[in-house]
Every structure is written in structure tokens, then in C-alpha cells.
Amino acid sequence: MPRESIFTSYVVEAFAARGLNPPKLGVRTYSAHQRVSLLATNRFVGADSGSVLRFNADRFSLKVLPVDFAVRPWQVGIVILKNRTVSPAVHAFLDCVRAVASSLAKAK
């Protein structure tokens, strides 16, 4: 039996919190583009992260359903190795990540 992804476990937990059985899994893929493309065919219902939906809903004409998942937020961390020089490209990337995360936090 394949190992359950973290996201799948969050979906299962969200359904269980409301006393519901989770939907039957029809397709599983790690490719965000493939998931969005399948959703765009109108033959699938799926759960995806807010960022994937935010950046693809208009382009693929996706209908985002107003579902409130009462589950804990995901924690994300950035790890830099001790005593290593961080390149200017990494600094630019981290600045971009911080700016995007800050704007998303303000939007909530």
C-alpha cells in the first residue's frame, strides 16, 4: 500500500473532524500542473493548496469551492548549513520568499 502524503492526511483529518468519510482517491500525482489540468476537465474534484489555486484558478477556469478546513496550518522552514557561504542568488531567493509570505499573511 503506498505511503499517504502529508496533504492527503490533512484532507482525511479535515473530513474526519466533521464526521465524514474522505472521498475515494481516483488519481494521485505529485505534479501540480497535472492535478490542475485534470481538474480543468470537469471530471474531477480535488483538494490543493491555496497557492496552487490562487495562481491557476483563472488560467484554467477552476471553480474554488468555499470549504473551511479546520486543520492546522503547514509549517515551512528554510535551512542553511552552518559555516557555509550563502550565495547572492540564495539571498535574493530568500528575500523573494519573505516578501511573498508577508503579502500572503497580510491578505488573510
C-alpha atoms as a PDB file:
ATOM      1  CA  MET A   1       0.000   0.000   0.000  1.00  0.00           C
ATOM      2  CA  PRO A   2       1.515   3.402  -0.953  1.00  0.00           C
ATOM      3  CA  ARG A   3       2.504   5.727   1.820  1.00  0.00           C
ATOM      4  CA  GLU A   4      -0.006   8.514   2.406  1.00  0.00           C
ATOM      5  CA  SER A   5       1.192  12.024   1.610  1.00  0.00           C
ATOM      6  CA  ILE A   6       1.080  14.754   4.224  1.00  0.00           C
ATOM      7  CA  PHE A   7      -1.505  16.656   2.211  1.00  0.00           C
ATOM      8  CA  THR A   8      -3.701  13.562   1.907  1.00  0.00           C
ATOM      9  CA  SER A   9      -3.515  13.055   5.662  1.00  0.00           C
ATOM     10  CA  TYR A  10      -4.673  16.677   6.172  1.00  0.00           C
ATOM     11  CA  VAL A  11      -7.654  16.101   3.870  1.00  0.00           C
ATOM     12  CA  VAL A  12      -8.549  12.869   5.695  1.00  0.00           C
ATOM     13  CA  GLU A  13      -8.218  14.675   9.041  1.00  0.00           C
ATOM     14  CA  ALA A  14     -10.451  17.529   7.839  1.00  0.00           C
ATOM     15  CA  PHE A  15     -13.199  15.133   6.757  1.00  0.00           C
ATOM     16  CA  ALA A  16     -12.905  13.114   9.983  1.00  0.00           C
ATOM     17  CA  ALA A  17     -13.239  16.303  12.062  1.00  0.00           C
ATOM     18  CA  ARG A  18     -16.695  16.686  10.553  1.00  0.00           C
ATOM     19  CA  GLY A  19     -17.629  13.017  10.906  1.00  0.00           C
ATOM     20  CA  LEU A  20     -17.346  12.351   7.164  1.00  0.00           C
ATOM     21  CA  ASN A  21     -15.583   9.657   5.206  1.00  0.00           C
ATOM     22  CA  PRO A  22     -12.918  11.040   2.874  1.00  0.00           C
ATOM     23  CA  PRO A  23     -13.613  10.880  -0.863  1.00  0.00           C
ATOM     24  CA  LYS A  24     -12.394   7.880  -2.813  1.00  0.00           C
ATOM     25  CA  LEU A  25      -8.986   8.545  -4.319  1.00  0.00           C
ATOM     26  CA  GLY A  26      -9.135   8.289  -8.101  1.00  0.00           C
ATOM     27  CA  VAL A  27      -5.855   9.836  -9.242  1.00  0.00           C
ATOM     28  CA  ARG A  28      -2.739  10.651  -7.248  1.00  0.00           C
ATOM     29  CA  THR A  29       0.066  12.767  -8.646  1.00  0.00           C
ATOM     30  CA  TYR A  30       2.801  14.984  -7.277  1.00  0.00           C
ATOM     31  CA  SER A  31       2.630  17.238 -10.331  1.00  0.00           C
ATOM     32  CA  ALA A  32       0.650  20.409  -9.566  1.00  0.00           C
ATOM     33  CA  HIS A  33       0.242  21.062 -13.275  1.00  0.00           C
ATOM     34  CA  GLN A  34      -1.190  17.605 -13.883  1.00  0.00           C
ATOM     35  CA  ARG A  35      -3.645  17.976 -10.966  1.00  0.00           C
ATOM     36  CA  VAL A  36      -4.826  21.356 -12.233  1.00  0.00           C
ATOM     37  CA  SER A  37      -5.117  20.033 -15.782  1.00  0.00           C
ATOM     38  CA  LEU A  38      -7.250  17.116 -14.576  1.00  0.00           C
ATOM     39  CA  LEU A  39      -9.459  19.449 -12.542  1.00  0.00           C
ATOM     40  CA  ALA A  40      -9.919  21.646 -15.616  1.00  0.00           C
ATOM     41  CA  THR A  41     -11.565  18.729 -17.472  1.00  0.00           C
ATOM     42  CA  ASN A  42     -14.561  18.991 -15.077  1.00  0.00           C
ATOM     43  CA  ARG A  43     -14.342  15.245 -14.435  1.00  0.00           C
ATOM     44  CA  PHE A  44     -12.534  15.523 -11.101  1.00  0.00           C
ATOM     45  CA  VAL A  45     -12.880  17.173  -7.723  1.00  0.00           C
ATOM     46  CA  GLY A  46      -9.697  17.753  -5.820  1.00  0.00           C
ATOM     47  CA  ALA A  47      -8.058  19.413  -2.872  1.00  0.00           C
ATOM     48  CA  ASP A  48      -4.988  21.514  -3.410  1.00  0.00           C
ATOM     49  CA  SER A  49      -3.010  24.176  -1.638  1.00  0.00           C
ATOM     50  CA  GLY A  50      -4.194  27.762  -1.699  1.00  0.00           C
ATOM     51  CA  SER A  51      -1.142  28.910  -3.621  1.00  0.00           C
ATOM     52  CA  VAL A  52      -1.710  26.421  -6.453  1.00  0.00           C
ATOM     53  CA  LEU A  53      -5.327  27.517  -6.728  1.00  0.00           C
ATOM     54  CA  ARG A  54      -4.523  31.215  -6.388  1.00  0.00           C
ATOM     55  CA  PHE A  55      -2.106  31.136  -9.295  1.00  0.00           C
ATOM     56  CA  ASN A  56      -4.071  28.752 -11.562  1.00  0.00           C
ATOM     57  CA  ALA A  57      -7.813  29.216 -10.953  1.00  0.00           C
ATOM     58  CA  ASP A  58      -8.295  31.946 -13.566  1.00  0.00           C
ATOM     59  CA  ARG A  59      -5.957  30.407 -16.148  1.00  0.00           C
ATOM     60  CA  PHE A  60      -7.675  27.012 -16.028  1.00  0.00           C
ATOM     61  CA  SER A  61     -11.213  28.272 -15.236  1.00  0.00           C
ATOM     62  CA  LEU A  62     -11.322  26.360 -11.952  1.00  0.00           C
ATOM     63  CA  LYS A  63     -14.213  26.768  -9.556  1.00  0.00           C
ATOM     64  CA  VAL A  64     -12.928  27.047  -5.993  1.00  0.00           C
ATOM     65  CA  LEU A  65     -15.474  25.734  -3.529  1.00  0.00           C
ATOM     66  CA  PRO A  66     -15.823  27.624  -0.231  1.00  0.00           C
ATOM     67  CA  VAL A  67     -14.775  24.841   2.122  1.00  0.00           C
ATOM     68  CA  ASP A  68     -13.448  25.682   5.561  1.00  0.00           C
ATOM     69  CA  PHE A  69     -10.830  23.135   6.613  1.00  0.00           C
ATOM     70  CA  ALA A  70     -10.408  23.324  10.356  1.00  0.00           C
ATOM     71  CA  VAL A  71      -6.943  21.781  10.348  1.00  0.00           C
ATOM     72  CA  ARG A  72      -3.626  23.124  11.496  1.00  0.00           C
ATOM     73  CA  PRO A  73      -1.563  25.202   9.072  1.00  0.00           C
ATOM     74  CA  TRP A  74       1.537  23.726   7.499  1.00  0.00           C
ATOM     75  CA  GLN A  75       4.863  24.813   8.828  1.00  0.00           C
ATOM     76  CA  VAL A  76       7.599  25.649   6.372  1.00  0.00           C
ATOM     77  CA  GLY A  77      11.229  26.201   7.205  1.00  0.00           C
ATOM     78  CA  ILE A  78      14.389  27.197   5.410  1.00  0.00           C
ATOM     79  CA  VAL A  79      17.599  25.508   6.457  1.00  0.00           C
ATOM     80  CA  ILE A  80      21.042  26.964   5.832  1.00  0.00           C
ATOM     81  CA  LEU A  81      24.117  24.932   6.697  1.00  0.00           C
ATOM     82  CA  LYS A  82      26.356  26.292   9.412  1.00  0.00           C
ATOM     83  CA  ASN A  83      29.704  27.773   8.341  1.00  0.00           C
ATOM     84  CA  ARG A  84      28.702  27.843   4.673  1.00  0.00           C
ATOM     85  CA  THR A  85      28.723  30.900   2.454  1.00  0.00           C
ATOM     86  CA  VAL A  86      25.294  31.746   1.125  1.00  0.00           C
ATOM     87  CA  SER A  87      25.383  32.920  -2.485  1.00  0.00           C
ATOM     88  CA  PRO A  88      23.766  36.176  -3.631  1.00  0.00           C
ATOM     89  CA  ALA A  89      21.234  34.095  -5.584  1.00  0.00           C
ATOM     90  CA  VAL A  90      20.142  32.387  -2.352  1.00  0.00           C
ATOM     91  CA  HIS A  91      19.834  35.773  -0.613  1.00  0.00           C
ATOM     92  CA  ALA A  92      17.671  37.042  -3.499  1.00  0.00           C
ATOM     93  CA  PHE A  93      15.520  33.911  -3.320  1.00  0.00           C
ATOM     94  CA  LEU A  94      15.062  34.249   0.449  1.00  0.00           C
ATOM     95  CA  ASP A  95      14.121  37.925   0.076  1.00  0.00           C
ATOM     96  CA  CYS A  96      11.513  36.937  -2.517  1.00  0.00           C
ATOM     97  CA  VAL A  97      10.131  34.146  -0.320  1.00  0.00           C
ATOM     98  CA  ARG A  98       9.841  36.522   2.638  1.00  0.00           C
ATOM     99  CA  ALA A  99       8.066  39.156   0.518  1.00  0.00           C
ATOM    100  CA  VAL A 100       5.565  36.652  -0.875  1.00  0.00           C
ATOM    101  CA  ALA A 101       4.929  35.089   2.544  1.00  0.00           C
ATOM    102  CA  SER A 102       4.441  38.533   4.073  1.00  0.00           C
ATOM    103  CA  SER A 103       1.938  39.573   1.386  1.00  0.00           C
ATOM    104  CA  LEU A 104       0.027  36.298   1.786  1.00  0.00           C
ATOM    105  CA  ALA A 105      -0.112  36.733   5.570  1.00  0.00           C
ATOM    106  CA  LYS A 106      -1.461  40.274   5.165  1.00  0.00           C
ATOM    107  CA  ALA A 107      -4.069  39.065   2.646  1.00  0.00           C
ATOM    108  CA  LYS A 108      -5.545  36.720   5.256  1.00  0.00           C
END
